[in-house]
Amino acid sequence: MRKSESESSGSSTPSPSRTISRRGFVGAVLAATALPAGVKGALASAATPAAAPNDEIPIIDTHIHLFDPTRPGGVPWPTPDNKVLYRPALPERYRQIAAPLGVRGAIEVECSTRLEDNQWVLEVAAKDPIMVGTVGNLDPGQPAFREQLARFQRNPLFRGIRYGNLWGHDLGADLAKPDFVSNLKALAEAGLELDTANPNPALLEAVVRVTDKVPELRVVIDHLPQLNPPESGAARSAYDATLRELRKRTQVYVKVSEVLRRVDGRVPEDLGFYRARLEELWAGFGEDRVLYGSDWPNSDQWAEYPKVLTVVQDFFRTKGRAAAEKYFWKNSVAAYRWVRRDTSQPSLGTV
């Protein structure tokens, strides 16, 4: 969920990074991005993809949101003016949409600033086994963090916290707060992970610093396809250096989520439009570090769930079954250590 269309601003207007001209998108991905030779080769051979993976590959969706505007007191996001999103987004509705498409489980990522909404989500998720985990909203910069962490980590569905360009936070600046780093160490010691929010170059640089200070912490970078790399100069050099550092850190994962964009008033639905950016991320992080996330129901502002899924299915179809299995579910086990709640859900060693 992008910052300017989410809780941090309360606006349903698409962010500039998702509403872009075709020239701007192509420039950011092709002209501005120095694609590795392997990426260029993959693009050149895209007309003859590898054999399609089995359609029965199970899917774990690592990025959905749950909320209910009809609850007493309402919700901080979405706001009533968002006619697409302002209705209950609950596991039953998600199951009806996603399960027929092969989705066996989902991880909720918190979209509320309210502490007690962590508990509400855990209670809602517990009622439907399609929910295999939640990523909560706790602030490592607050004195009460350890107490809050101890409370929520007792629930096996609680898999980590989200922090980044969201709700006024600044991960890089917040690393200087007293106890912030030690609280992240406590998060890692609890076996939990850190999701980042709404990436930009500064946030990626902050992830490097976090993993320098807490190398045992698993970090998941969300929505990286949405970041438009700097075009040139010192900013581009710094961005490239940051990515090189992140590639070295095997505990850092990337969600290939929020792929679709609105371009010149429409949302392209064909893989060809997005392939260059996806190939760049594939070349940079490889098959062991990428995760599937839909961003449902926020994604409904760009396309219905089947169309969101189809673009990445078409891309990973060119990578072969083994890579597709890692993207769609195996890597999520390593990143989140989520809870298997139903026999239909995969586990390592089974499909």
Protein backbone atom coordinates (compact mmCIF):
# COMPACT_ATOMS: atom_id res chain seq x y z
CA MET A 1 0.00 0.00 0.00
CA ARG A 2 1.58 3.26 -1.07
CA LYS A 3 1.93 6.07 1.46
CA SER A 4 -0.09 8.69 -0.39
CA GLU A 5 -3.02 6.37 -1.00
CA SER A 6 -3.06 4.80 2.44
CA GLU A 7 -3.19 5.38 6.15
CA SER A 8 -0.38 7.91 6.17
CA SER A 9 -2.36 10.50 4.26
CA GLY A 10 -5.92 9.25 4.37
CA SER A 11 -6.19 9.86 0.63
CA SER A 12 -7.53 7.48 -1.96
CA THR A 13 -5.77 9.33 -4.78
CA PRO A 14 -3.12 7.20 -6.46
CA SER A 15 0.41 8.24 -5.61
CA PRO A 16 2.59 9.88 -8.29
CA SER A 17 4.66 6.71 -8.55
CA ARG A 18 1.61 4.72 -9.62
CA THR A 19 0.10 7.36 -11.90
CA ILE A 20 2.69 8.06 -14.56
CA SER A 21 3.01 8.73 -18.26
CA ARG A 22 4.08 5.89 -20.52
CA ARG A 23 7.19 7.87 -21.42
CA GLY A 24 8.01 8.38 -17.75
CA PHE A 25 7.59 4.70 -16.93
CA VAL A 26 9.66 3.47 -19.84
CA GLY A 27 12.30 6.07 -19.12
CA ALA A 28 12.54 5.04 -15.48
CA VAL A 29 12.79 1.35 -16.27
CA LEU A 30 14.69 1.19 -19.55
CA ALA A 31 16.57 4.39 -20.30
CA ALA A 32 17.34 5.28 -16.71
CA THR A 33 18.00 1.75 -15.52
CA ALA A 34 21.29 0.20 -16.48
CA LEU A 35 19.97 -3.30 -17.04
CA PRO A 36 22.49 -6.10 -16.49
CA ALA A 37 23.45 -8.13 -19.53
CA GLY A 38 21.49 -11.10 -18.17
CA VAL A 39 18.33 -9.00 -18.03
CA LYS A 40 18.78 -7.80 -21.60
CA GLY A 41 19.24 -11.39 -22.70
CA ALA A 42 16.09 -12.45 -20.88
CA LEU A 43 14.14 -9.69 -22.59
CA ALA A 44 15.50 -10.68 -25.96
CA SER A 45 14.44 -14.30 -25.49
CA ALA A 46 11.06 -13.53 -23.91
CA ALA A 47 9.22 -14.66 -27.02
CA THR A 48 10.24 -18.25 -26.29
CA PRO A 49 9.58 -18.73 -22.56
CA ALA A 50 10.45 -21.77 -20.53
CA ALA A 51 7.82 -24.43 -20.01
CA ALA A 52 4.91 -23.18 -17.93
CA PRO A 53 4.87 -24.28 -14.30
CA ASN A 54 2.08 -26.53 -13.14
CA ASP A 55 -1.08 -24.51 -12.59
CA GLU A 56 -1.55 -26.29 -9.26
CA ILE A 57 1.35 -24.48 -7.57
CA PRO A 58 -0.14 -23.33 -4.26
CA ILE A 59 0.00 -19.60 -3.50
CA ILE A 60 0.67 -17.80 -0.23
CA ASP A 61 -0.25 -14.13 -0.56
CA THR A 62 2.11 -12.21 1.75
CA HIS A 63 0.39 -8.83 1.57
CA ILE A 64 -3.30 -8.24 2.17
CA HIS A 65 -5.16 -5.83 4.45
CA LEU A 66 -8.11 -6.49 6.74
CA PHE A 67 -10.47 -3.81 8.02
CA ASP A 68 -14.15 -3.18 8.65
CA PRO A 69 -15.51 0.39 8.34
CA THR A 70 -18.79 -0.74 9.92
CA ARG A 71 -17.10 -1.43 13.29
CA PRO A 72 -17.93 0.92 16.15
CA GLY A 73 -15.53 3.82 15.84
CA GLY A 74 -14.83 3.11 12.18
CA VAL A 75 -11.32 2.79 10.79
CA PRO A 76 -8.48 5.27 10.21
CA TRP A 77 -8.08 3.94 6.66
CA PRO A 78 -9.67 3.77 4.15
CA THR A 79 -11.71 6.96 4.35
CA PRO A 80 -15.39 7.24 3.35
CA ASP A 81 -14.58 9.15 0.19
CA ASN A 82 -12.82 6.09 -1.25
CA LYS A 83 -15.72 4.40 -2.97
CA VAL A 84 -13.63 1.41 -4.07
CA LEU A 85 -12.19 0.48 -0.68
CA TYR A 86 -14.65 1.73 1.92
CA ARG A 87 -16.40 -1.54 2.71
CA PRO A 88 -15.50 -4.55 4.87
CA ALA A 89 -12.34 -6.38 3.78
CA LEU A 90 -12.50 -9.59 5.78
CA PRO A 91 -11.15 -13.14 5.32
CA GLU A 92 -14.44 -14.54 4.02
CA ARG A 93 -14.57 -12.00 1.19
CA TYR A 94 -10.89 -12.55 0.41
CA ARG A 95 -11.33 -16.33 0.35
CA GLN A 96 -14.17 -16.09 -2.17
CA ILE A 97 -11.95 -14.06 -4.50
CA ALA A 98 -8.57 -15.73 -4.04
CA ALA A 99 -9.15 -19.39 -3.21
CA PRO A 100 -10.53 -20.29 -6.67
CA LEU A 101 -7.26 -18.92 -8.12
CA GLY A 102 -5.08 -21.28 -6.11
CA VAL A 103 -4.41 -19.10 -3.07
CA ARG A 104 -4.09 -21.36 -0.02
CA GLY A 105 -3.07 -18.80 2.60
CA ALA A 106 -2.54 -15.11 3.24
CA ILE A 107 -0.60 -12.82 5.56
CA GLU A 108 -2.28 -9.62 6.72
CA VAL A 109 -0.21 -6.42 6.88
CA GLU A 110 -1.62 -3.92 9.35
CA CYS A 111 -3.19 -0.75 7.95
CA SER A 112 -4.24 0.93 11.19
CA THR A 113 -2.37 3.15 13.63
CA ARG A 114 -4.44 1.89 16.57
CA LEU A 115 -2.67 -0.47 18.94
CA GLU A 116 -5.81 -2.49 19.71
CA ASP A 117 -6.44 -3.08 16.03
CA ASN A 118 -3.53 -5.53 16.20
CA GLN A 119 -5.68 -7.57 18.54
CA TRP A 120 -8.77 -7.15 16.37
CA VAL A 121 -6.92 -8.49 13.34
CA LEU A 122 -5.57 -11.47 15.29
CA GLU A 123 -9.07 -12.35 16.46
CA VAL A 124 -10.52 -12.00 12.95
CA ALA A 125 -7.69 -14.01 11.40
CA ALA A 126 -8.07 -16.80 13.93
CA LYS A 127 -11.59 -17.50 12.64
CA ASP A 128 -10.49 -18.42 9.11
CA PRO A 129 -7.58 -20.81 8.42
CA ILE A 130 -6.80 -19.10 5.12
CA MET A 131 -5.05 -16.52 7.33
CA VAL A 132 -1.59 -17.85 8.16
CA GLY A 133 -0.13 -14.74 9.77
CA THR A 134 -0.30 -11.03 10.47
CA VAL A 135 2.29 -8.25 10.40
CA GLY A 136 1.38 -5.79 13.12
CA ASN A 137 1.84 -2.12 13.84
CA LEU A 138 4.21 -1.57 16.77
CA ASP A 139 6.69 1.30 17.06
CA PRO A 140 10.23 0.26 18.12
CA GLY A 141 10.88 3.88 19.04
CA GLN A 142 8.30 3.91 21.82
CA PRO A 143 9.07 3.04 25.47
CA ALA A 144 6.19 0.54 25.56
CA PHE A 145 7.51 -1.48 22.61
CA ARG A 146 8.92 -4.41 24.62
CA GLU A 147 5.72 -4.75 26.61
CA GLN A 148 3.59 -4.63 23.46
CA LEU A 149 5.85 -7.10 21.68
CA ALA A 150 5.65 -9.53 24.60
CA ARG A 151 1.87 -9.29 24.48
CA PHE A 152 1.37 -9.93 20.78
CA GLN A 153 4.17 -12.40 20.11
CA ARG A 154 2.39 -14.93 22.29
CA ASN A 155 -0.06 -15.36 19.41
CA PRO A 156 1.51 -17.64 16.77
CA LEU A 157 -0.23 -15.70 13.99
CA PHE A 158 1.79 -12.58 14.87
CA ARG A 159 4.73 -12.76 12.45
CA GLY A 160 6.36 -9.34 12.65
CA ILE A 161 5.87 -5.59 12.42
CA ARG A 162 5.75 -2.99 9.64
CA TYR A 163 7.81 0.20 9.74
CA GLY A 164 8.99 2.66 7.12
CA ASN A 165 7.50 5.46 5.04
CA LEU A 166 4.18 5.26 6.83
CA TRP A 167 2.35 7.23 9.51
CA GLY A 168 5.11 9.84 9.69
CA HIS A 169 7.92 7.37 10.40
CA ASP A 170 11.44 7.68 9.01
CA LEU A 171 13.40 4.47 9.49
CA GLY A 172 16.76 6.06 8.79
CA ALA A 173 16.26 8.92 11.22
CA ASP A 174 14.63 6.70 13.82
CA LEU A 175 17.72 4.50 14.06
CA ALA A 176 19.19 7.29 16.21
CA LYS A 177 16.39 7.06 18.79
CA PRO A 178 17.29 5.59 22.19
CA ASP A 179 16.58 1.85 22.33
CA PHE A 180 15.37 1.68 18.72
CA VAL A 181 18.11 -0.72 17.63
CA SER A 182 17.91 -2.79 20.80
CA ASN A 183 14.16 -3.12 20.26
CA LEU A 184 14.78 -4.39 16.73
CA LYS A 185 17.19 -6.90 18.23
CA ALA A 186 14.41 -8.01 20.55
CA LEU A 187 12.16 -8.43 17.51
CA ALA A 188 14.77 -10.65 15.87
CA GLU A 189 15.32 -12.65 19.05
CA ALA A 190 11.59 -13.35 19.12
CA GLY A 191 11.90 -14.94 15.66
CA LEU A 192 9.86 -12.16 14.05
CA GLU A 193 10.51 -10.08 10.96
CA LEU A 194 10.38 -6.43 9.86
CA ASP A 195 8.29 -5.38 6.86
CA THR A 196 9.21 -2.03 5.37
CA ALA A 197 6.62 0.32 3.90
CA ASN A 198 6.55 2.23 0.62
CA PRO A 199 10.13 2.12 -0.65
CA ASN A 200 12.27 4.98 -1.85
CA PRO A 201 16.08 5.20 -2.10
CA ALA A 202 16.39 6.58 1.43
CA LEU A 203 14.39 3.69 2.88
CA LEU A 204 16.52 1.12 1.04
CA GLU A 205 19.65 2.78 2.42
CA ALA A 206 18.11 2.59 5.89
CA VAL A 207 17.54 -1.16 5.42
CA VAL A 208 21.27 -1.53 4.79
CA ARG A 209 21.96 0.29 8.06
CA VAL A 210 19.39 -1.77 9.95
CA THR A 211 20.86 -5.04 8.74
CA ASP A 212 24.35 -3.81 9.61
CA LYS A 213 23.23 -3.20 13.18
CA VAL A 214 20.89 -6.22 13.48
CA PRO A 215 22.18 -8.80 10.98
CA GLU A 216 19.98 -11.56 12.41
CA LEU A 217 16.78 -9.62 11.62
CA ARG A 218 14.78 -10.80 8.61
CA VAL A 219 13.57 -7.84 6.56
CA VAL A 220 10.91 -7.83 3.84
CA ILE A 221 10.86 -4.85 1.46
CA ASP A 222 7.36 -4.33 0.12
CA HIS A 223 6.20 -3.04 -3.27
CA LEU A 224 9.65 -2.60 -4.78
CA PRO A 225 8.32 -2.61 -8.39
CA GLN A 226 6.76 0.76 -7.59
CA LEU A 227 10.07 2.51 -6.91
CA ASN A 228 11.29 4.55 -9.86
CA PRO A 229 15.11 4.46 -9.70
CA PRO A 230 16.98 7.77 -9.97
CA GLU A 231 17.84 8.47 -13.57
CA SER A 232 21.49 9.46 -13.37
CA GLY A 233 24.30 11.15 -11.48
CA ALA A 234 25.20 10.77 -7.83
CA ALA A 235 21.68 9.71 -6.84
CA ARG A 236 21.79 6.86 -9.34
CA SER A 237 25.24 5.76 -8.20
CA ALA A 238 24.10 5.75 -4.58
CA TYR A 239 20.98 3.74 -5.46
CA ASP A 240 23.02 1.14 -7.35
CA ALA A 241 25.45 0.84 -4.43
CA THR A 242 22.55 0.32 -2.03
CA LEU A 243 21.09 -2.46 -4.17
CA ARG A 244 24.48 -4.16 -4.36
CA GLU A 245 24.63 -4.17 -0.58
CA LEU A 246 21.10 -5.51 -0.23
CA ARG A 247 21.84 -8.32 -2.68
CA LYS A 248 24.56 -9.55 -0.32
CA ARG A 249 22.15 -9.85 2.61
CA THR A 250 20.35 -13.15 2.36
CA GLN A 251 18.01 -12.23 5.22
CA VAL A 252 16.48 -9.43 3.09
CA TYR A 253 13.47 -10.37 0.92
CA VAL A 254 11.58 -8.39 -1.70
CA LYS A 255 7.85 -8.43 -2.41
CA VAL A 256 7.16 -8.32 -6.13
CA SER A 257 3.90 -6.56 -5.35
CA GLU A 258 2.13 -3.42 -6.57
CA VAL A 259 3.30 -4.21 -10.07
CA LEU A 260 0.42 -2.54 -11.94
CA ARG A 261 0.42 1.18 -12.70
CA ARG A 262 -1.96 3.70 -14.18
CA VAL A 263 -0.35 5.07 -17.33
CA ASP A 264 -1.89 7.83 -19.43
CA GLY A 265 -5.24 7.21 -17.79
CA ARG A 266 -5.30 3.43 -18.12
CA VAL A 267 -3.80 0.40 -16.38
CA PRO A 268 -1.90 -1.90 -18.75
CA GLU A 269 -2.65 -5.54 -17.99
CA ASP A 270 -0.13 -7.27 -20.24
CA LEU A 271 3.19 -8.53 -18.96
CA GLY A 272 5.10 -6.88 -21.77
CA PHE A 273 4.59 -3.46 -20.26
CA TYR A 274 6.10 -4.50 -16.89
CA ARG A 275 8.65 -7.07 -17.98
CA ALA A 276 11.75 -4.85 -17.92
CA ARG A 277 11.26 -3.81 -14.30
CA LEU A 278 10.48 -7.36 -13.21
CA GLU A 279 13.56 -8.69 -14.99
CA GLU A 280 15.68 -6.09 -13.24
CA LEU A 281 14.44 -7.17 -9.82
CA TRP A 282 14.83 -10.83 -10.75
CA ALA A 283 18.43 -10.26 -11.82
CA GLY A 284 19.12 -8.29 -8.66
CA PHE A 285 17.66 -10.58 -6.02
CA GLY A 286 17.21 -13.99 -7.60
CA GLU A 287 14.69 -16.75 -7.09
CA ASP A 288 15.36 -17.23 -3.36
CA ARG A 289 14.54 -13.68 -2.27
CA VAL A 290 11.27 -12.73 -4.00
CA LEU A 291 7.74 -13.06 -2.59
CA TYR A 292 4.21 -12.80 -3.96
CA GLY A 293 1.92 -10.14 -2.51
CA SER A 294 -1.33 -8.84 -3.97
CA ASP A 295 -1.89 -5.75 -1.78
CA TRP A 296 -5.61 -6.67 -1.72
CA PRO A 297 -7.98 -4.84 -1.47
CA ASN A 298 -5.87 -1.74 -2.11
CA SER A 299 -5.01 -3.32 -5.47
CA ASP A 300 -8.67 -3.03 -6.50
CA GLN A 301 -7.97 0.62 -7.28
CA TRP A 302 -5.96 -0.58 -10.29
CA ALA A 303 -7.38 -3.95 -11.25
CA GLU A 304 -9.36 -6.89 -9.94
CA TYR A 305 -7.43 -9.63 -8.13
CA PRO A 306 -7.25 -12.10 -11.06
CA LYS A 307 -5.57 -9.47 -13.26
CA VAL A 308 -3.08 -8.56 -10.52
CA LEU A 309 -2.17 -12.22 -10.16
CA THR A 310 -2.04 -12.99 -13.89
CA VAL A 311 0.76 -10.51 -14.62
CA VAL A 312 3.16 -12.13 -12.14
CA GLN A 313 2.03 -15.64 -13.07
CA ASP A 314 2.88 -14.88 -16.70
CA PHE A 315 6.29 -13.56 -15.67
CA PHE A 316 7.23 -16.49 -13.45
CA ARG A 317 5.96 -18.91 -16.07
CA THR A 318 9.08 -17.91 -18.01
CA LYS A 319 11.32 -18.88 -15.06
CA GLY A 320 10.22 -22.51 -14.67
CA ARG A 321 8.31 -24.37 -12.02
CA ALA A 322 11.02 -24.44 -9.34
CA ALA A 323 11.40 -20.66 -9.37
CA ALA A 324 7.62 -20.14 -9.45
CA GLU A 325 7.19 -22.37 -6.39
CA LYS A 326 9.75 -20.30 -4.51
CA TYR A 327 8.07 -17.03 -5.44
CA PHE A 328 4.52 -18.13 -4.79
CA TRP A 329 5.06 -19.91 -1.47
CA LYS A 330 8.41 -21.43 -0.50
CA ASN A 331 10.23 -18.15 0.10
CA SER A 332 7.37 -16.96 2.28
CA VAL A 333 8.10 -19.80 4.71
CA ALA A 334 11.68 -18.60 5.09
CA ALA A 335 10.74 -14.93 5.35
CA TYR A 336 7.75 -15.19 7.72
CA ARG A 337 7.85 -18.66 9.27
CA TRP A 338 4.08 -18.56 9.02
CA VAL A 339 1.66 -20.95 10.65
CA ARG A 340 0.23 -23.83 8.59
CA ARG A 341 -3.42 -24.09 9.59
CA ASP A 342 -5.00 -26.28 6.94
CA THR A 343 -4.00 -29.45 5.09
CA SER A 344 -4.45 -27.65 1.79
CA GLN A 345 -1.60 -25.33 2.70
CA PRO A 346 1.89 -26.34 1.57
CA SER A 347 4.87 -26.99 3.78
CA LEU A 348 8.47 -27.60 2.85
CA GLY A 349 8.68 -31.15 1.59
CA THR A 350 5.03 -31.20 0.48
CA VAL A 351 2.93 -29.50 -2.17
